[in-house]
C-alpha atoms as a PDB file:
ATOM      1  CA  MET A   1     -14.775  -9.230 -10.969  1.00  0.00           C
ATOM      2  CA  ASP A   2     -14.727  -5.476 -10.340  1.00  0.00           C
ATOM      3  CA  ARG A   3     -16.630  -4.882 -13.583  1.00  0.00           C
ATOM      4  CA  HIS A   4     -19.765  -5.874 -11.627  1.00  0.00           C
ATOM      5  CA  TRP A   5     -19.325  -2.999  -9.189  1.00  0.00           C
ATOM      6  CA  THR A   6     -21.687  -0.293 -10.359  1.00  0.00           C
ATOM      7  CA  LYS A   7     -23.903   2.449  -9.020  1.00  0.00           C
ATOM      8  CA  GLU A   8     -26.721  -0.088  -8.689  1.00  0.00           C
ATOM      9  CA  HIS A   9     -24.761  -2.112  -6.114  1.00  0.00           C
ATOM     10  CA  VAL A  10     -24.420   0.871  -3.815  1.00  0.00           C
ATOM     11  CA  ALA A  11     -27.881   2.277  -4.426  1.00  0.00           C
ATOM     12  CA  GLY A  12     -29.545  -1.118  -4.045  1.00  0.00           C
ATOM     13  CA  ARG A  13     -27.821  -1.914  -0.773  1.00  0.00           C
ATOM     14  CA  ALA A  14     -28.563   1.577   0.507  1.00  0.00           C
ATOM     15  CA  ALA A  15     -32.246   1.115  -0.252  1.00  0.00           C
ATOM     16  CA  VAL A  16     -32.352  -1.964   1.974  1.00  0.00           C
ATOM     17  CA  THR A  17     -30.564  -0.093   4.733  1.00  0.00           C
ATOM     18  CA  LYS A  18     -32.875   2.871   4.399  1.00  0.00           C
ATOM     19  CA  SER A  19     -35.958   0.725   4.920  1.00  0.00           C
ATOM     20  CA  SER A  20     -34.417  -0.557   8.153  1.00  0.00           C
ATOM     21  CA  GLY A  21     -34.331   2.869   9.761  1.00  0.00           C
ATOM     22  CA  ASN A  22     -30.649   3.620   9.172  1.00  0.00           C
ATOM     23  CA  PRO A  23     -29.458   7.276   9.254  1.00  0.00           C
ATOM     24  CA  VAL A  24     -28.932   6.992   5.489  1.00  0.00           C
ATOM     25  CA  GLN A  25     -32.611   7.832   5.118  1.00  0.00           C
ATOM     26  CA  ASP A  26     -31.867  11.366   6.306  1.00  0.00           C
ATOM     27  CA  LEU A  27     -29.800  12.116   3.222  1.00  0.00           C
ATOM     28  CA  GLY A  28     -32.734  12.742   0.920  1.00  0.00           C
ATOM     29  CA  PRO A  29     -32.677  12.504  -2.892  1.00  0.00           C
ATOM     30  CA  ALA A  30     -30.557  15.612  -3.448  1.00  0.00           C
ATOM     31  CA  ARG A  31     -27.879  14.671  -0.930  1.00  0.00           C
ATOM     32  CA  ARG A  32     -27.820  11.097  -2.152  1.00  0.00           C
ATOM     33  CA  ALA A  33     -27.266  12.304  -5.709  1.00  0.00           C
ATOM     34  CA  ARG A  34     -24.469  14.545  -4.466  1.00  0.00           C
ATOM     35  CA  PHE A  35     -22.937  11.632  -2.569  1.00  0.00           C
ATOM     36  CA  GLU A  36     -23.002   9.474  -5.693  1.00  0.00           C
ATOM     37  CA  ASP A  37     -21.405  12.241  -7.751  1.00  0.00           C
ATOM     38  CA  LEU A  38     -18.600  12.549  -5.203  1.00  0.00           C
ATOM     39  CA  THR A  39     -17.877   8.890  -4.516  1.00  0.00           C
ATOM     40  CA  LEU A  40     -18.905   6.495  -7.269  1.00  0.00           C
ATOM     41  CA  SER A  41     -15.928   7.340  -9.471  1.00  0.00           C
ATOM     42  CA  HIS A  42     -13.770   5.828  -6.697  1.00  0.00           C
ATOM     43  CA  LEU A  43     -15.815   2.638  -6.316  1.00  0.00           C
ATOM     44  CA  ARG A  44     -13.500   0.350  -8.274  1.00  0.00           C
ATOM     45  CA  ALA A  45     -10.421   1.756  -6.542  1.00  0.00           C
ATOM     46  CA  VAL A  46     -11.987   1.037  -3.146  1.00  0.00           C
ATOM     47  CA  TYR A  47     -12.877  -2.490  -4.222  1.00  0.00           C
ATOM     48  CA  ARG A  48      -9.394  -3.188  -5.620  1.00  0.00           C
ATOM     49  CA  LEU A  49      -7.813  -1.942  -2.409  1.00  0.00           C
ATOM     50  CA  ALA A  50     -10.153  -4.151  -0.368  1.00  0.00           C
ATOM     51  CA  VAL A  51      -9.067  -7.188  -2.389  1.00  0.00           C
ATOM     52  CA  ARG A  52      -5.408  -6.358  -1.795  1.00  0.00           C
ATOM     53  CA  LEU A  53      -5.983  -5.882   1.915  1.00  0.00           C
ATOM     54  CA  VAL A  54      -7.934  -9.073   2.611  1.00  0.00           C
ATOM     55  CA  GLY A  55      -7.112 -11.342  -0.341  1.00  0.00           C
ATOM     56  CA  ASP A  56     -10.662 -12.654  -0.419  1.00  0.00           C
ATOM     57  CA  VAL A  57     -13.153 -11.516  -3.066  1.00  0.00           C
ATOM     58  CA  PRO A  58     -16.410 -12.120  -1.112  1.00  0.00           C
ATOM     59  CA  THR A  59     -14.991 -10.350   1.953  1.00  0.00           C
ATOM     60  CA  ALA A  60     -13.704  -7.514  -0.229  1.00  0.00           C
ATOM     61  CA  GLU A  61     -17.186  -7.106  -1.713  1.00  0.00           C
ATOM     62  CA  ASP A  62     -18.734  -6.937   1.766  1.00  0.00           C
ATOM     63  CA  LEU A  63     -16.136  -4.422   2.913  1.00  0.00           C
ATOM     64  CA  THR A  64     -16.733  -2.253  -0.147  1.00  0.00           C
ATOM     65  CA  GLN A  65     -20.450  -2.158   0.583  1.00  0.00           C
ATOM     66  CA  GLU A  66     -19.823  -1.408   4.254  1.00  0.00           C
ATOM     67  CA  THR A  67     -17.422   1.370   3.288  1.00  0.00           C
ATOM     68  CA  TYR A  68     -20.000   3.080   1.105  1.00  0.00           C
ATOM     69  CA  LEU A  69     -22.758   2.692   3.659  1.00  0.00           C
ATOM     70  CA  LYS A  70     -20.607   4.289   6.347  1.00  0.00           C
ATOM     71  CA  ALA A  71     -19.553   6.976   3.895  1.00  0.00           C
ATOM     72  CA  MET A  72     -23.199   7.758   3.105  1.00  0.00           C
ATOM     73  CA  GLN A  73     -23.926   8.148   6.800  1.00  0.00           C
ATOM     74  CA  ALA A  74     -20.901  10.387   7.327  1.00  0.00           C
ATOM     75  CA  CYS A  75     -21.268  12.352   4.094  1.00  0.00           C
ATOM     76  CA  PRO A  76     -22.853  15.453   5.702  1.00  0.00           C
ATOM     77  CA  SER A  77     -19.713  15.857   7.839  1.00  0.00           C
ATOM     78  CA  LEU A  78     -17.321  15.669   4.864  1.00  0.00           C
ATOM     79  CA  ARG A  79     -15.681  19.077   4.580  1.00  0.00           C
ATOM     80  CA  ASP A  80     -13.070  18.674   1.847  1.00  0.00           C
ATOM     81  CA  HIS A  81     -14.689  17.330  -1.308  1.00  0.00           C
ATOM     82  CA  GLN A  82     -11.282  17.225  -2.999  1.00  0.00           C
ATOM     83  CA  ARG A  83     -10.160  14.415  -0.687  1.00  0.00           C
ATOM     84  CA  VAL A  84     -12.959  11.917  -1.163  1.00  0.00           C
ATOM     85  CA  ARG A  85     -10.684   9.066  -2.246  1.00  0.00           C
ATOM     86  CA  PRO A  86      -8.429   9.114   0.874  1.00  0.00           C
ATOM     87  CA  TRP A  87     -11.554   9.566   3.006  1.00  0.00           C
ATOM     88  CA  LEU A  88     -13.043   6.372   1.545  1.00  0.00           C
ATOM     89  CA  PHE A  89      -9.728   4.557   1.958  1.00  0.00           C
ATOM     90  CA  GLN A  90      -9.639   5.645   5.588  1.00  0.00           C
ATOM     91  CA  ILE A  91     -13.085   4.179   6.214  1.00  0.00           C
ATOM     92  CA  LEU A  92     -12.129   0.944   4.465  1.00  0.00           C
ATOM     93  CA  SER A  93      -8.818   0.619   6.327  1.00  0.00           C
ATOM     94  CA  ARG A  94     -10.491   0.997   9.700  1.00  0.00           C
ATOM     95  CA  LEU A  95     -13.144  -1.532   8.750  1.00  0.00           C
ATOM     96  CA  VAL A  96     -10.470  -4.068   7.793  1.00  0.00           C
ATOM     97  CA  VAL A  97      -8.609  -3.714  11.085  1.00  0.00           C
ATOM     98  CA  ASP A  98     -11.768  -3.564  13.223  1.00  0.00           C
ATOM     99  CA  ARG A  99     -13.359  -6.574  11.531  1.00  0.00           C
ATOM    100  CA  HIS A 100     -10.404  -8.805  12.297  1.00  0.00           C
ATOM    101  CA  ARG A 101     -10.035  -7.535  15.843  1.00  0.00           C
ATOM    102  CA  LYS A 102     -13.699  -8.145  16.625  1.00  0.00           C
ATOM    103  CA  GLY A 103     -13.608 -11.542  14.968  1.00  0.00           C
ATOM    104  CA  GLY A 104     -10.659 -12.658  17.064  1.00  0.00           C
ATOM    105  CA  ARG A 105      -8.668 -13.391  13.915  1.00  0.00           C
ATOM    106  CA  GLU A 106      -5.794 -11.024  14.642  1.00  0.00           C
ATOM    107  CA  VAL A 107      -2.541 -12.950  14.319  1.00  0.00           C
ATOM    108  CA  PRO A 108       0.470 -11.317  16.009  1.00  0.00           C
ATOM    109  CA  LEU A 109       3.857 -11.203  14.369  1.00  0.00           C
ATOM    110  CA  ASP A 110       5.971 -14.231  15.149  1.00  0.00           C
ATOM    111  CA  GLU A 111       7.861 -13.128  18.249  1.00  0.00           C
ATOM    112  CA  SER A 112      10.129 -16.170  18.026  1.00  0.00           C
ATOM    113  CA  VAL A 113      11.835 -14.460  15.087  1.00  0.00           C
ATOM    114  CA  ASP A 114      14.058 -11.451  15.736  1.00  0.00           C
ATOM    115  CA  LEU A 115      12.730  -9.424  12.830  1.00  0.00           C
ATOM    116  CA  ASP A 116      14.838  -6.388  13.691  1.00  0.00           C
ATOM    117  CA  ARG A 117      17.974  -8.448  13.064  1.00  0.00           C
ATOM    118  CA  PHE A 118      16.688 -10.063   9.895  1.00  0.00           C
ATOM    119  CA  SER A 119      17.664  -8.557   6.551  1.00  0.00           C
ATOM    120  CA  LEU A 120      16.615 -10.211   3.320  1.00  0.00           C
ATOM    121  CA  TYR A 121      19.232  -8.184   1.454  1.00  0.00           C
ATOM    122  CA  ASP A 122      22.035  -9.422   3.723  1.00  0.00           C
ATOM    123  CA  ARG A 123      20.764 -13.001   3.739  1.00  0.00           C
ATOM    124  CA  ILE A 124      20.732 -13.135  -0.060  1.00  0.00           C
ATOM    125  CA  ALA A 125      24.266 -11.753  -0.180  1.00  0.00           C
ATOM    126  CA  ASP A 126      25.507 -14.265   2.421  1.00  0.00           C
ATOM    127  CA  GLU A 127      23.734 -17.260   0.906  1.00  0.00           C
ATOM    128  CA  ASP A 128      24.489 -16.351  -2.727  1.00  0.00           C
ATOM    129  CA  PRO A 129      21.862 -18.729  -4.172  1.00  0.00           C
ATOM    130  CA  PHE A 130      22.735 -17.754  -7.757  1.00  0.00           C
ATOM    131  CA  PRO A 131      26.560 -17.611  -7.793  1.00  0.00           C
ATOM    132  CA  TYR A 132      26.809 -16.670 -11.466  1.00  0.00           C
ATOM    133  CA  SER A 133      24.265 -13.881 -11.320  1.00  0.00           C
ATOM    134  CA  GLN A 134      25.314 -10.321 -12.076  1.00  0.00           C
ATOM    135  CA  ASN A 135      22.176  -8.980 -10.376  1.00  0.00           C
ATOM    136  CA  LEU A 136      21.815 -11.302  -7.419  1.00  0.00           C
ATOM    137  CA  HIS A 137      19.083  -9.545  -5.452  1.00  0.00           C
ATOM    138  CA  GLU A 138      16.948  -8.754  -8.491  1.00  0.00           C
ATOM    139  CA  ASP A 139      17.266 -12.313  -9.808  1.00  0.00           C
ATOM    140  CA  PHE A 140      16.385 -13.776  -6.419  1.00  0.00           C
ATOM    141  CA  LEU A 141      13.247 -11.665  -6.047  1.00  0.00           C
ATOM    142  CA  ALA A 142      12.252 -12.395  -9.648  1.00  0.00           C
ATOM    143  CA  GLU A 143      11.913 -16.069  -8.713  1.00  0.00           C
ATOM    144  CA  PHE A 144       8.831 -15.306  -6.617  1.00  0.00           C
ATOM    145  CA  GLN A 145       5.426 -15.393  -8.257  1.00  0.00           C
ATOM    146  CA  ASP A 146       2.700 -12.831  -7.567  1.00  0.00           C
ATOM    147  CA  GLU A 147       0.932 -15.433  -5.447  1.00  0.00           C
ATOM    148  CA  ASP A 148       4.045 -15.811  -3.270  1.00  0.00           C
ATOM    149  CA  VAL A 149       4.107 -12.082  -2.534  1.00  0.00           C
ATOM    150  CA  ARG A 150       0.354 -12.062  -1.929  1.00  0.00           C
ATOM    151  CA  HIS A 151       0.680 -14.948   0.536  1.00  0.00           C
ATOM    152  CA  ALA A 152       3.523 -13.154   2.331  1.00  0.00           C
ATOM    153  CA  LEU A 153       1.424 -10.005   2.667  1.00  0.00           C
ATOM    154  CA  LEU A 154      -1.588 -11.908   3.950  1.00  0.00           C
ATOM    155  CA  SER A 155       0.567 -13.654   6.551  1.00  0.00           C
ATOM    156  CA  ILE A 156       1.085 -10.441   8.538  1.00  0.00           C
ATOM    157  CA  PRO A 157      -1.520  -8.739  10.769  1.00  0.00           C
ATOM    158  CA  GLU A 158      -3.814  -6.137   9.237  1.00  0.00           C
ATOM    159  CA  ILE A 159      -2.441  -3.359  11.424  1.00  0.00           C
ATOM    160  CA  TYR A 160       0.890  -3.772   9.585  1.00  0.00           C
ATOM    161  CA  ARG A 161      -0.460  -4.844   6.203  1.00  0.00           C
ATOM    162  CA  VAL A 162      -2.785  -1.866   5.725  1.00  0.00           C
ATOM    163  CA  PRO A 163      -0.126   0.898   5.768  1.00  0.00           C
ATOM    164  CA  LEU A 164       2.272  -1.211   3.688  1.00  0.00           C
ATOM    165  CA  VAL A 165      -0.291  -1.855   0.950  1.00  0.00           C
ATOM    166  CA  LEU A 166      -1.433   1.770   0.986  1.00  0.00           C
ATOM    167  CA  MET A 167       2.121   3.064   0.699  1.00  0.00           C
ATOM    168  CA  TYR A 168       3.002   0.957  -2.326  1.00  0.00           C
ATOM    169  CA  THR A 169      -0.323   0.963  -4.170  1.00  0.00           C
ATOM    170  CA  GLU A 170      -1.288   4.590  -3.552  1.00  0.00           C
ATOM    171  CA  GLU A 171       2.253   5.994  -3.180  1.00  0.00           C
ATOM    172  CA  LEU A 172       1.348   7.812   0.020  1.00  0.00           C
ATOM    173  CA  SER A 173       3.873   9.662   2.167  1.00  0.00           C
ATOM    174  CA  TYR A 174       4.362   8.968   5.871  1.00  0.00           C
ATOM    175  CA  ARG A 175       2.394  12.088   6.700  1.00  0.00           C
ATOM    176  CA  GLU A 176      -0.463  11.144   4.382  1.00  0.00           C
ATOM    177  CA  LEU A 177      -0.582   7.656   5.878  1.00  0.00           C
ATOM    178  CA  ALA A 178      -0.611   9.090   9.382  1.00  0.00           C
ATOM    179  CA  GLU A 179      -3.522  11.341   8.488  1.00  0.00           C
ATOM    180  CA  LEU A 180      -5.417   8.544   6.779  1.00  0.00           C
ATOM    181  CA  LEU A 181      -4.873   6.040   9.609  1.00  0.00           C
ATOM    182  CA  ALA A 182      -5.326   8.649  12.362  1.00  0.00           C
ATOM    183  CA  CYS A 183      -2.059   7.882  14.146  1.00  0.00           C
ATOM    184  CA  PRO A 184       1.304   9.636  14.648  1.00  0.00           C
ATOM    185  CA  VAL A 185       3.910   9.603  11.884  1.00  0.00           C
ATOM    186  CA  GLY A 186       6.270   7.715  14.185  1.00  0.00           C
ATOM    187  CA  THR A 187       3.706   4.947  14.606  1.00  0.00           C
ATOM    188  CA  VAL A 188       3.290   4.670  10.840  1.00  0.00           C
ATOM    189  CA  MET A 189       7.051   4.423  10.348  1.00  0.00           C
ATOM    190  CA  SER A 190       7.345   1.757  13.037  1.00  0.00           C
ATOM    191  CA  ARG A 191       4.525  -0.323  11.555  1.00  0.00           C
ATOM    192  CA  LEU A 192       5.986  -0.059   8.065  1.00  0.00           C
ATOM    193  CA  HIS A 193       9.394  -1.154   9.321  1.00  0.00           C
ATOM    194  CA  ARG A 194       7.893  -4.199  11.030  1.00  0.00           C
ATOM    195  CA  ALA A 195       5.711  -4.949   8.021  1.00  0.00           C
ATOM    196  CA  ARG A 196       8.638  -4.918   5.587  1.00  0.00           C
ATOM    197  CA  LYS A 197      10.704  -7.153   7.852  1.00  0.00           C
ATOM    198  CA  ALA A 198       7.821  -9.595   8.271  1.00  0.00           C
ATOM    199  CA  VAL A 199       7.192  -9.804   4.521  1.00  0.00           C
ATOM    200  CA  GLU A 200      10.912 -10.264   3.847  1.00  0.00           C
ATOM    201  CA  HIS A 201      11.049 -13.099   6.368  1.00  0.00           C
ATOM    202  CA  ALA A 202       7.939 -14.723   4.875  1.00  0.00           C
ATOM    203  CA  LEU A 203       9.571 -14.657   1.434  1.00  0.00           C
ATOM    204  CA  TRP A 204      12.761 -16.141   2.876  1.00  0.00           C
ATOM    205  CA  GLU A 205      10.737 -18.969   4.419  1.00  0.00           C
ATOM    206  CA  CYS A 206       9.131 -19.534   1.019  1.00  0.00           C
ATOM    207  CA  ALA A 207      12.613 -19.794  -0.515  1.00  0.00           C
ATOM    208  CA  GLN A 208      13.600 -22.285   2.193  1.00  0.00           C
ATOM    209  CA  ARG A 209      10.601 -24.497   1.464  1.00  0.00           C
ATOM    210  CA  ARG A 210      11.606 -24.582  -2.187  1.00  0.00           C
ATOM    211  CA  GLY A 211      15.185 -25.458  -1.400  1.00  0.00           C
ATOM    212  CA  TRP A 212      16.696 -22.272  -2.792  1.00  0.00           C
ATOM    213  CA  VAL A 213      18.402 -21.319   0.485  1.00  0.00           C
ATOM    214  CA  LYS A 214      19.318 -22.776   3.856  1.00  0.00           C
ATOM    215  CA  GLU A 215      17.505 -22.189   7.131  1.00  0.00           C
ATOM    216  CA  TRP A 216      18.292 -18.862   8.757  1.00  0.00           C
ATOM    217  CA  THR A 217      19.645 -18.891  12.324  1.00  0.00           C
ATOM    218  CA  PRO A 218      19.700 -15.509  14.132  1.00  0.00           C
END
């Protein structure tokens, strides 16, 4: 799908926006060319990240277009041209969180589950679903398909999902995540902790539905 994302997608959408009186029209041909030189090499990466964050191709396409439109508007204020990729990711991440907040689709973490006390590692060891395995935890996790992990990720709120996906797909440090998401390092660490616990619990529930393990009681 991402093979369709080309310069023409961004330029074409920008032309429509320009005719509507958007600040993009103030860029001018030279600045627009400079913007394209700086950002279009990251277009597919932005789109792939959008897909991972929302799990929905049409929505990811819309978010990618919105990201580039906002980036075009903000381009004159970009100071560090060596950090274009994280700048675009920052715009996209905020769009993802804001879109779901405004749409009333934000789903809180299940407060009926004591996530701080839940440990997938400990539960696997206690349950021992593969008694003859020499690599119990690895074998247990290998049973899950990519779609299972994707579903687990999409089951948690965007405010937790965004830093988790960014950390593991872009290999960002806590400090880099804090800068990208414009929040303190401590907040990033807290959200990542909650995100990991929530994903672990979602995978455990998946294992329960398939009869691999018993129901967990805190």
